[in-house]
Amino acid sequence: MGRPHKKRFVAYNPGVCYFKPRGIPMLELEEIQLTIDEREALRLADLEGFSHEAGGKQMGVSRATFGRIIEQARKIVADALINGKAINIEGGNYVISSTERLFRCEKCDYEWHEDLGTGRPDRCPSCRRPEVYRVSTS
């Protein structure tokens, strides 16, 4: 019997839980499952450009575990794209770590919240200047 899996931290859950090829009725599609933590690993590695070390730290797992998660996630997505399968995104061993980040403008001191996983803001929503920074809340 192996060790129990640690909960993986997921910082962003967009609420999208299904993808399918266009123009093919659901009844004709094979469905495969991508877990929430596998989707988070894809977001961190392939969208945000995190290394396996940084991605693992973000998700609360080791570099090697992150590597295994991302390898499995990429295999699932490739199978769906190449073989025309629907992807059902659900389940997994995860916990939502937080839902937002706090930013401040250096020029006008305006503060605002952004959802996690949406990237760094380009400019202040108040004065439109690009001099913004993230405020530590811990």
N, C-alpha and C. Protein backbone atom coordinates (compact mmCIF):
# COMPACT_ATOMS: atom_id res chain seq x y z
N MET A 1 0.84 -1.18 0.00
CA MET A 1 0.00 0.00 0.00
C MET A 1 0.89 1.25 0.00
N GLY A 2 0.65 2.17 -0.95
CA GLY A 2 1.45 3.39 -1.07
C GLY A 2 1.02 4.45 -0.07
N ARG A 3 1.80 5.49 -0.02
CA ARG A 3 1.47 6.62 0.85
C ARG A 3 0.25 7.36 0.32
N PRO A 4 -0.52 7.99 1.20
CA PRO A 4 -1.65 8.78 0.72
C PRO A 4 -1.14 10.03 -0.02
N HIS A 5 -1.87 10.47 -1.04
CA HIS A 5 -1.48 11.65 -1.79
C HIS A 5 -1.71 12.92 -0.97
N LYS A 6 -0.74 13.85 -1.06
CA LYS A 6 -0.90 15.15 -0.44
C LYS A 6 -1.90 15.95 -1.27
N LYS A 7 -2.63 16.83 -0.62
CA LYS A 7 -3.50 17.75 -1.36
C LYS A 7 -2.61 18.71 -2.15
N ARG A 8 -2.98 18.95 -3.38
CA ARG A 8 -2.24 19.89 -4.22
C ARG A 8 -2.94 21.23 -4.17
N PHE A 9 -2.19 22.31 -4.03
CA PHE A 9 -2.77 23.64 -3.98
C PHE A 9 -3.08 24.11 -5.38
N VAL A 10 -4.31 24.54 -5.57
CA VAL A 10 -4.77 25.09 -6.85
C VAL A 10 -5.15 26.53 -6.58
N ALA A 11 -4.54 27.45 -7.31
CA ALA A 11 -4.75 28.87 -7.04
C ALA A 11 -5.86 29.47 -7.90
N TYR A 12 -6.24 28.78 -8.96
CA TYR A 12 -7.19 29.39 -9.88
C TYR A 12 -8.09 28.33 -10.47
N ASN A 13 -9.39 28.51 -10.32
CA ASN A 13 -10.36 27.59 -10.89
C ASN A 13 -11.34 28.41 -11.73
N PRO A 14 -11.15 28.42 -13.06
CA PRO A 14 -11.97 29.29 -13.91
C PRO A 14 -13.41 28.86 -14.06
N GLY A 15 -13.78 27.69 -13.55
CA GLY A 15 -15.15 27.26 -13.65
C GLY A 15 -15.47 26.52 -14.96
N VAL A 16 -14.55 26.51 -15.90
CA VAL A 16 -14.74 25.76 -17.15
C VAL A 16 -14.42 24.31 -16.84
N CYS A 17 -15.34 23.43 -17.19
CA CYS A 17 -15.13 22.03 -16.81
C CYS A 17 -15.27 21.06 -17.98
N TYR A 18 -15.39 21.59 -19.19
CA TYR A 18 -15.60 20.68 -20.32
C TYR A 18 -15.11 21.30 -21.62
N PHE A 19 -14.42 20.49 -22.42
CA PHE A 19 -14.04 20.87 -23.78
C PHE A 19 -14.38 19.71 -24.70
N LYS A 20 -14.82 20.05 -25.91
CA LYS A 20 -15.13 19.00 -26.87
C LYS A 20 -14.85 19.52 -28.27
N PRO A 21 -14.57 18.61 -29.20
CA PRO A 21 -14.39 19.03 -30.58
C PRO A 21 -15.68 19.62 -31.15
N ARG A 22 -15.56 20.65 -31.92
CA ARG A 22 -16.71 21.32 -32.52
C ARG A 22 -17.32 20.45 -33.62
N GLY A 23 -18.62 20.46 -33.67
CA GLY A 23 -19.32 19.81 -34.76
C GLY A 23 -19.56 18.32 -34.60
N ILE A 24 -19.13 17.74 -33.51
CA ILE A 24 -19.35 16.31 -33.28
C ILE A 24 -20.29 16.17 -32.09
N PRO A 25 -21.42 15.50 -32.28
CA PRO A 25 -22.36 15.34 -31.16
C PRO A 25 -21.73 14.57 -30.00
N MET A 26 -22.11 14.94 -28.79
CA MET A 26 -21.56 14.30 -27.59
C MET A 26 -21.74 12.78 -27.60
N LEU A 27 -22.83 12.33 -28.14
CA LEU A 27 -23.08 10.88 -28.16
C LEU A 27 -22.04 10.12 -28.97
N GLU A 28 -21.38 10.81 -29.89
CA GLU A 28 -20.38 10.16 -30.74
C GLU A 28 -18.95 10.32 -30.22
N LEU A 29 -18.79 11.04 -29.14
CA LEU A 29 -17.45 11.34 -28.62
C LEU A 29 -17.05 10.42 -27.47
N GLU A 30 -15.80 10.02 -27.48
CA GLU A 30 -15.23 9.37 -26.30
C GLU A 30 -14.79 10.49 -25.37
N GLU A 31 -14.94 10.27 -24.07
CA GLU A 31 -14.61 11.28 -23.08
C GLU A 31 -13.44 10.81 -22.22
N ILE A 32 -12.51 11.73 -21.94
CA ILE A 32 -11.42 11.44 -21.02
C ILE A 32 -11.44 12.49 -19.92
N GLN A 33 -10.84 12.16 -18.77
CA GLN A 33 -10.88 13.06 -17.63
C GLN A 33 -9.51 13.68 -17.36
N LEU A 34 -9.53 14.99 -17.14
CA LEU A 34 -8.37 15.76 -16.70
C LEU A 34 -8.74 16.28 -15.32
N THR A 35 -7.91 16.02 -14.31
CA THR A 35 -8.25 16.48 -12.96
C THR A 35 -7.93 17.97 -12.80
N ILE A 36 -8.53 18.56 -11.78
CA ILE A 36 -8.32 19.98 -11.49
C ILE A 36 -6.84 20.26 -11.24
N ASP A 37 -6.16 19.39 -10.51
CA ASP A 37 -4.74 19.61 -10.22
C ASP A 37 -3.89 19.43 -11.48
N GLU A 38 -4.29 18.56 -12.40
CA GLU A 38 -3.57 18.43 -13.67
C GLU A 38 -3.75 19.70 -14.51
N ARG A 39 -4.96 20.26 -14.51
CA ARG A 39 -5.18 21.52 -15.24
C ARG A 39 -4.34 22.63 -14.62
N GLU A 40 -4.23 22.67 -13.29
CA GLU A 40 -3.42 23.69 -12.63
C GLU A 40 -1.95 23.55 -13.02
N ALA A 41 -1.47 22.32 -13.11
CA ALA A 41 -0.07 22.10 -13.53
C ALA A 41 0.14 22.60 -14.96
N LEU A 42 -0.83 22.36 -15.85
CA LEU A 42 -0.74 22.88 -17.21
C LEU A 42 -0.70 24.40 -17.21
N ARG A 43 -1.54 25.01 -16.40
CA ARG A 43 -1.57 26.48 -16.32
C ARG A 43 -0.22 27.03 -15.86
N LEU A 44 0.31 26.43 -14.80
CA LEU A 44 1.56 26.93 -14.25
C LEU A 44 2.74 26.73 -15.21
N ALA A 45 2.86 25.53 -15.77
CA ALA A 45 4.02 25.22 -16.62
C ALA A 45 3.90 25.82 -18.01
N ASP A 46 2.76 25.61 -18.66
CA ASP A 46 2.65 25.96 -20.08
C ASP A 46 2.10 27.35 -20.33
N LEU A 47 1.26 27.86 -19.45
CA LEU A 47 0.71 29.20 -19.64
C LEU A 47 1.55 30.25 -18.92
N GLU A 48 1.90 29.98 -17.67
CA GLU A 48 2.66 30.94 -16.88
C GLU A 48 4.18 30.78 -17.02
N GLY A 49 4.65 29.64 -17.56
CA GLY A 49 6.08 29.44 -17.78
C GLY A 49 6.88 29.06 -16.55
N PHE A 50 6.24 28.53 -15.52
CA PHE A 50 6.95 28.13 -14.30
C PHE A 50 7.83 26.91 -14.59
N SER A 51 8.97 26.84 -13.93
CA SER A 51 9.79 25.64 -13.96
C SER A 51 9.10 24.57 -13.12
N HIS A 52 9.58 23.33 -13.23
CA HIS A 52 9.00 22.26 -12.41
C HIS A 52 9.22 22.56 -10.93
N GLU A 53 10.35 23.12 -10.59
CA GLU A 53 10.65 23.47 -9.20
C GLU A 53 9.66 24.52 -8.68
N ALA A 54 9.48 25.61 -9.45
CA ALA A 54 8.57 26.68 -9.03
C ALA A 54 7.12 26.22 -9.04
N GLY A 55 6.74 25.43 -10.05
CA GLY A 55 5.37 24.91 -10.12
C GLY A 55 5.07 23.99 -8.96
N GLY A 56 6.02 23.14 -8.62
CA GLY A 56 5.85 22.25 -7.48
C GLY A 56 5.68 23.02 -6.19
N LYS A 57 6.49 24.06 -6.02
CA LYS A 57 6.40 24.89 -4.82
C LYS A 57 5.03 25.56 -4.74
N GLN A 58 4.56 26.07 -5.86
CA GLN A 58 3.25 26.72 -5.92
C GLN A 58 2.12 25.75 -5.55
N MET A 59 2.25 24.50 -5.99
CA MET A 59 1.20 23.51 -5.74
C MET A 59 1.42 22.72 -4.43
N GLY A 60 2.54 22.96 -3.76
CA GLY A 60 2.81 22.28 -2.50
C GLY A 60 3.26 20.84 -2.65
N VAL A 61 3.91 20.54 -3.79
CA VAL A 61 4.43 19.19 -4.05
C VAL A 61 5.89 19.30 -4.47
N SER A 62 6.57 18.18 -4.55
CA SER A 62 7.98 18.20 -4.96
C SER A 62 8.11 18.46 -6.46
N ARG A 63 9.31 18.79 -6.87
CA ARG A 63 9.60 19.01 -8.29
C ARG A 63 9.27 17.76 -9.09
N ALA A 64 9.66 16.60 -8.56
CA ALA A 64 9.42 15.33 -9.26
C ALA A 64 7.92 15.04 -9.38
N THR A 65 7.18 15.29 -8.32
CA THR A 65 5.72 15.07 -8.37
C THR A 65 5.08 16.01 -9.37
N PHE A 66 5.50 17.26 -9.36
CA PHE A 66 4.98 18.22 -10.35
C PHE A 66 5.28 17.71 -11.76
N GLY A 67 6.47 17.20 -11.98
CA GLY A 67 6.84 16.66 -13.29
C GLY A 67 5.93 15.52 -13.71
N ARG A 68 5.59 14.65 -12.77
CA ARG A 68 4.68 13.53 -13.09
C ARG A 68 3.27 14.04 -13.39
N ILE A 69 2.81 15.03 -12.63
CA ILE A 69 1.47 15.59 -12.86
C ILE A 69 1.40 16.23 -14.24
N ILE A 70 2.39 17.05 -14.58
CA ILE A 70 2.37 17.75 -15.87
C ILE A 70 2.51 16.77 -17.03
N GLU A 71 3.32 15.74 -16.86
CA GLU A 71 3.48 14.72 -17.90
C GLU A 71 2.15 14.02 -18.19
N GLN A 72 1.44 13.65 -17.13
CA GLN A 72 0.13 12.99 -17.29
C GLN A 72 -0.88 13.94 -17.93
N ALA A 73 -0.90 15.21 -17.48
CA ALA A 73 -1.84 16.19 -18.03
C ALA A 73 -1.59 16.41 -19.52
N ARG A 74 -0.35 16.54 -19.91
CA ARG A 74 -0.03 16.75 -21.33
C ARG A 74 -0.43 15.55 -22.17
N LYS A 75 -0.27 14.37 -21.63
CA LYS A 75 -0.66 13.15 -22.34
C LYS A 75 -2.17 13.12 -22.58
N ILE A 76 -2.94 13.49 -21.57
CA ILE A 76 -4.39 13.53 -21.68
C ILE A 76 -4.84 14.54 -22.73
N VAL A 77 -4.28 15.74 -22.67
CA VAL A 77 -4.67 16.79 -23.62
C VAL A 77 -4.25 16.40 -25.04
N ALA A 78 -3.07 15.85 -25.20
CA ALA A 78 -2.62 15.42 -26.53
C ALA A 78 -3.53 14.33 -27.08
N ASP A 79 -3.93 13.38 -26.25
CA ASP A 79 -4.83 12.32 -26.68
C ASP A 79 -6.15 12.92 -27.17
N ALA A 80 -6.69 13.88 -26.43
CA ALA A 80 -7.95 14.51 -26.82
C ALA A 80 -7.80 15.28 -28.13
N LEU A 81 -6.73 16.02 -28.28
CA LEU A 81 -6.54 16.81 -29.51
C LEU A 81 -6.29 15.92 -30.73
N ILE A 82 -5.46 14.93 -30.58
CA ILE A 82 -5.10 14.07 -31.71
C ILE A 82 -6.23 13.12 -32.08
N ASN A 83 -6.92 12.58 -31.07
CA ASN A 83 -7.93 11.55 -31.33
C ASN A 83 -9.36 12.06 -31.24
N GLY A 84 -9.55 13.37 -31.13
CA GLY A 84 -10.89 13.94 -31.14
C GLY A 84 -11.77 13.52 -29.98
N LYS A 85 -11.24 13.59 -28.78
CA LYS A 85 -12.00 13.21 -27.59
C LYS A 85 -12.42 14.44 -26.81
N ALA A 86 -13.50 14.30 -26.05
CA ALA A 86 -13.95 15.36 -25.15
C ALA A 86 -13.14 15.28 -23.86
N ILE A 87 -12.88 16.43 -23.25
CA ILE A 87 -12.15 16.48 -21.97
C ILE A 87 -13.10 16.94 -20.88
N ASN A 88 -13.30 16.09 -19.89
CA ASN A 88 -14.09 16.42 -18.71
C ASN A 88 -13.11 16.79 -17.61
N ILE A 89 -13.19 18.02 -17.09
CA ILE A 89 -12.25 18.50 -16.09
C ILE A 89 -12.94 18.49 -14.73
N GLU A 90 -12.55 17.52 -13.91
CA GLU A 90 -13.14 17.41 -12.58
C GLU A 90 -12.28 16.49 -11.71
N GLY A 91 -12.53 16.55 -10.41
CA GLY A 91 -11.88 15.63 -9.49
C GLY A 91 -10.42 15.96 -9.23
N GLY A 92 -9.75 15.02 -8.62
CA GLY A 92 -8.35 15.20 -8.27
C GLY A 92 -8.20 15.40 -6.77
N ASN A 93 -6.97 15.54 -6.37
CA ASN A 93 -6.63 15.67 -4.96
C ASN A 93 -6.10 17.09 -4.74
N TYR A 94 -7.00 18.03 -4.52
CA TYR A 94 -6.59 19.43 -4.47
C TYR A 94 -7.39 20.21 -3.44
N VAL A 95 -6.89 21.41 -3.16
CA VAL A 95 -7.58 22.37 -2.32
C VAL A 95 -7.32 23.75 -2.94
N ILE A 96 -8.35 24.58 -3.01
CA ILE A 96 -8.18 25.93 -3.54
C ILE A 96 -7.43 26.73 -2.49
N SER A 97 -6.26 27.26 -2.88
CA SER A 97 -5.39 27.91 -1.90
C SER A 97 -5.80 29.34 -1.59
N SER A 98 -6.26 30.06 -2.57
CA SER A 98 -6.67 31.44 -2.39
C SER A 98 -7.41 31.85 -3.64
N THR A 99 -8.08 32.95 -3.60
CA THR A 99 -8.84 33.34 -4.78
C THR A 99 -8.43 34.68 -5.37
N GLU A 100 -7.65 35.47 -4.65
CA GLU A 100 -7.28 36.77 -5.21
C GLU A 100 -5.97 37.30 -4.66
N ARG A 101 -5.44 38.32 -5.36
CA ARG A 101 -4.21 39.00 -4.97
C ARG A 101 -4.49 40.50 -4.87
N LEU A 102 -3.73 41.18 -4.06
CA LEU A 102 -3.88 42.62 -3.87
C LEU A 102 -2.75 43.35 -4.59
N PHE A 103 -3.11 44.38 -5.37
CA PHE A 103 -2.13 45.21 -6.08
C PHE A 103 -2.30 46.67 -5.67
N ARG A 104 -1.19 47.43 -5.81
CA ARG A 104 -1.19 48.86 -5.50
C ARG A 104 -0.43 49.61 -6.59
N CYS A 105 -0.90 50.79 -6.90
CA CYS A 105 -0.25 51.66 -7.88
C CYS A 105 0.78 52.53 -7.16
N GLU A 106 1.99 52.60 -7.71
CA GLU A 106 3.04 53.44 -7.13
C GLU A 106 2.73 54.92 -7.28
N LYS A 107 2.01 55.29 -8.31
CA LYS A 107 1.76 56.70 -8.60
C LYS A 107 0.59 57.29 -7.82
N CYS A 108 -0.56 56.57 -7.80
CA CYS A 108 -1.75 57.14 -7.16
C CYS A 108 -2.17 56.41 -5.89
N ASP A 109 -1.44 55.35 -5.50
CA ASP A 109 -1.72 54.55 -4.30
C ASP A 109 -3.06 53.83 -4.33
N TYR A 110 -3.67 53.71 -5.49
CA TYR A 110 -4.92 52.97 -5.61
C TYR A 110 -4.64 51.49 -5.37
N GLU A 111 -5.52 50.81 -4.61
CA GLU A 111 -5.39 49.38 -4.35
C GLU A 111 -6.59 48.65 -4.92
N TRP A 112 -6.34 47.46 -5.47
CA TRP A 112 -7.42 46.64 -6.02
C TRP A 112 -7.04 45.18 -5.98
N HIS A 113 -8.04 44.33 -6.09
CA HIS A 113 -7.85 42.88 -6.07
C HIS A 113 -7.99 42.32 -7.48
N GLU A 114 -7.17 41.31 -7.77
CA GLU A 114 -7.24 40.56 -9.03
C GLU A 114 -7.36 39.09 -8.68
N ASP A 115 -8.14 38.35 -9.45
CA ASP A 115 -8.24 36.91 -9.25
C ASP A 115 -6.90 36.25 -9.52
N LEU A 116 -6.60 35.22 -8.73
CA LEU A 116 -5.39 34.44 -8.97
C LEU A 116 -5.49 33.75 -10.32
N GLY A 117 -4.36 33.63 -10.98
CA GLY A 117 -4.31 32.92 -12.25
C GLY A 117 -4.63 33.77 -13.46
N THR A 118 -4.92 35.04 -13.25
CA THR A 118 -5.28 35.90 -14.38
C THR A 118 -4.09 36.71 -14.90
N GLY A 119 -2.92 36.50 -14.33
CA GLY A 119 -1.73 37.22 -14.78
C GLY A 119 -1.56 38.54 -14.06
N ARG A 120 -0.40 39.14 -14.26
CA ARG A 120 -0.10 40.42 -13.64
C ARG A 120 -0.80 41.54 -14.42
N PRO A 121 -1.44 42.49 -13.72
CA PRO A 121 -2.11 43.58 -14.42
C PRO A 121 -1.10 44.47 -15.16
N ASP A 122 -1.47 44.96 -16.32
CA ASP A 122 -0.60 45.82 -17.14
C ASP A 122 -0.50 47.23 -16.60
N ARG A 123 -1.61 47.69 -15.99
CA ARG A 123 -1.63 49.08 -15.52
C ARG A 123 -2.68 49.26 -14.44
N CYS A 124 -2.61 50.37 -13.77
CA CYS A 124 -3.56 50.71 -12.72
C CYS A 124 -4.93 50.99 -13.34
N PRO A 125 -6.00 50.41 -12.79
CA PRO A 125 -7.33 50.69 -13.34
C PRO A 125 -7.80 52.11 -13.05
N SER A 126 -7.17 52.81 -12.11
CA SER A 126 -7.58 54.16 -11.76
C SER A 126 -6.88 55.22 -12.63
N CYS A 127 -5.54 55.22 -12.62
CA CYS A 127 -4.80 56.26 -13.34
C CYS A 127 -4.19 55.77 -14.65
N ARG A 128 -4.30 54.45 -14.92
CA ARG A 128 -3.81 53.82 -16.16
C ARG A 128 -2.29 53.79 -16.28
N ARG A 129 -1.56 54.07 -15.20
CA ARG A 129 -0.09 54.03 -15.23
C ARG A 129 0.37 52.58 -15.05
N PRO A 130 1.51 52.22 -15.65
CA PRO A 130 2.00 50.82 -15.55
C PRO A 130 2.78 50.51 -14.28
N GLU A 131 3.01 51.47 -13.42
CA GLU A 131 3.82 51.25 -12.22
C GLU A 131 2.99 50.62 -11.10
N VAL A 132 2.72 49.33 -11.21
CA VAL A 132 1.94 48.62 -10.20
C VAL A 132 2.77 47.52 -9.57
N TYR A 133 2.46 47.17 -8.34
CA TYR A 133 3.15 46.08 -7.66
C TYR A 133 2.17 45.31 -6.80
N ARG A 134 2.53 44.08 -6.51
CA ARG A 134 1.70 43.22 -5.68
C ARG A 134 1.99 43.50 -4.22
N VAL A 135 0.95 43.61 -3.42
CA VAL A 135 1.06 43.86 -1.99
C VAL A 135 1.01 42.51 -1.28
N SER A 136 1.99 42.26 -0.44
CA SER A 136 2.02 41.02 0.33
C SER A 136 0.94 41.08 1.41
N THR A 137 0.13 40.01 1.49
CA THR A 137 -0.95 39.98 2.47
C THR A 137 -0.65 39.03 3.62
N SER A 138 0.54 38.43 3.62
CA SER A 138 0.85 37.47 4.69
C SER A 138 1.63 38.10 5.81
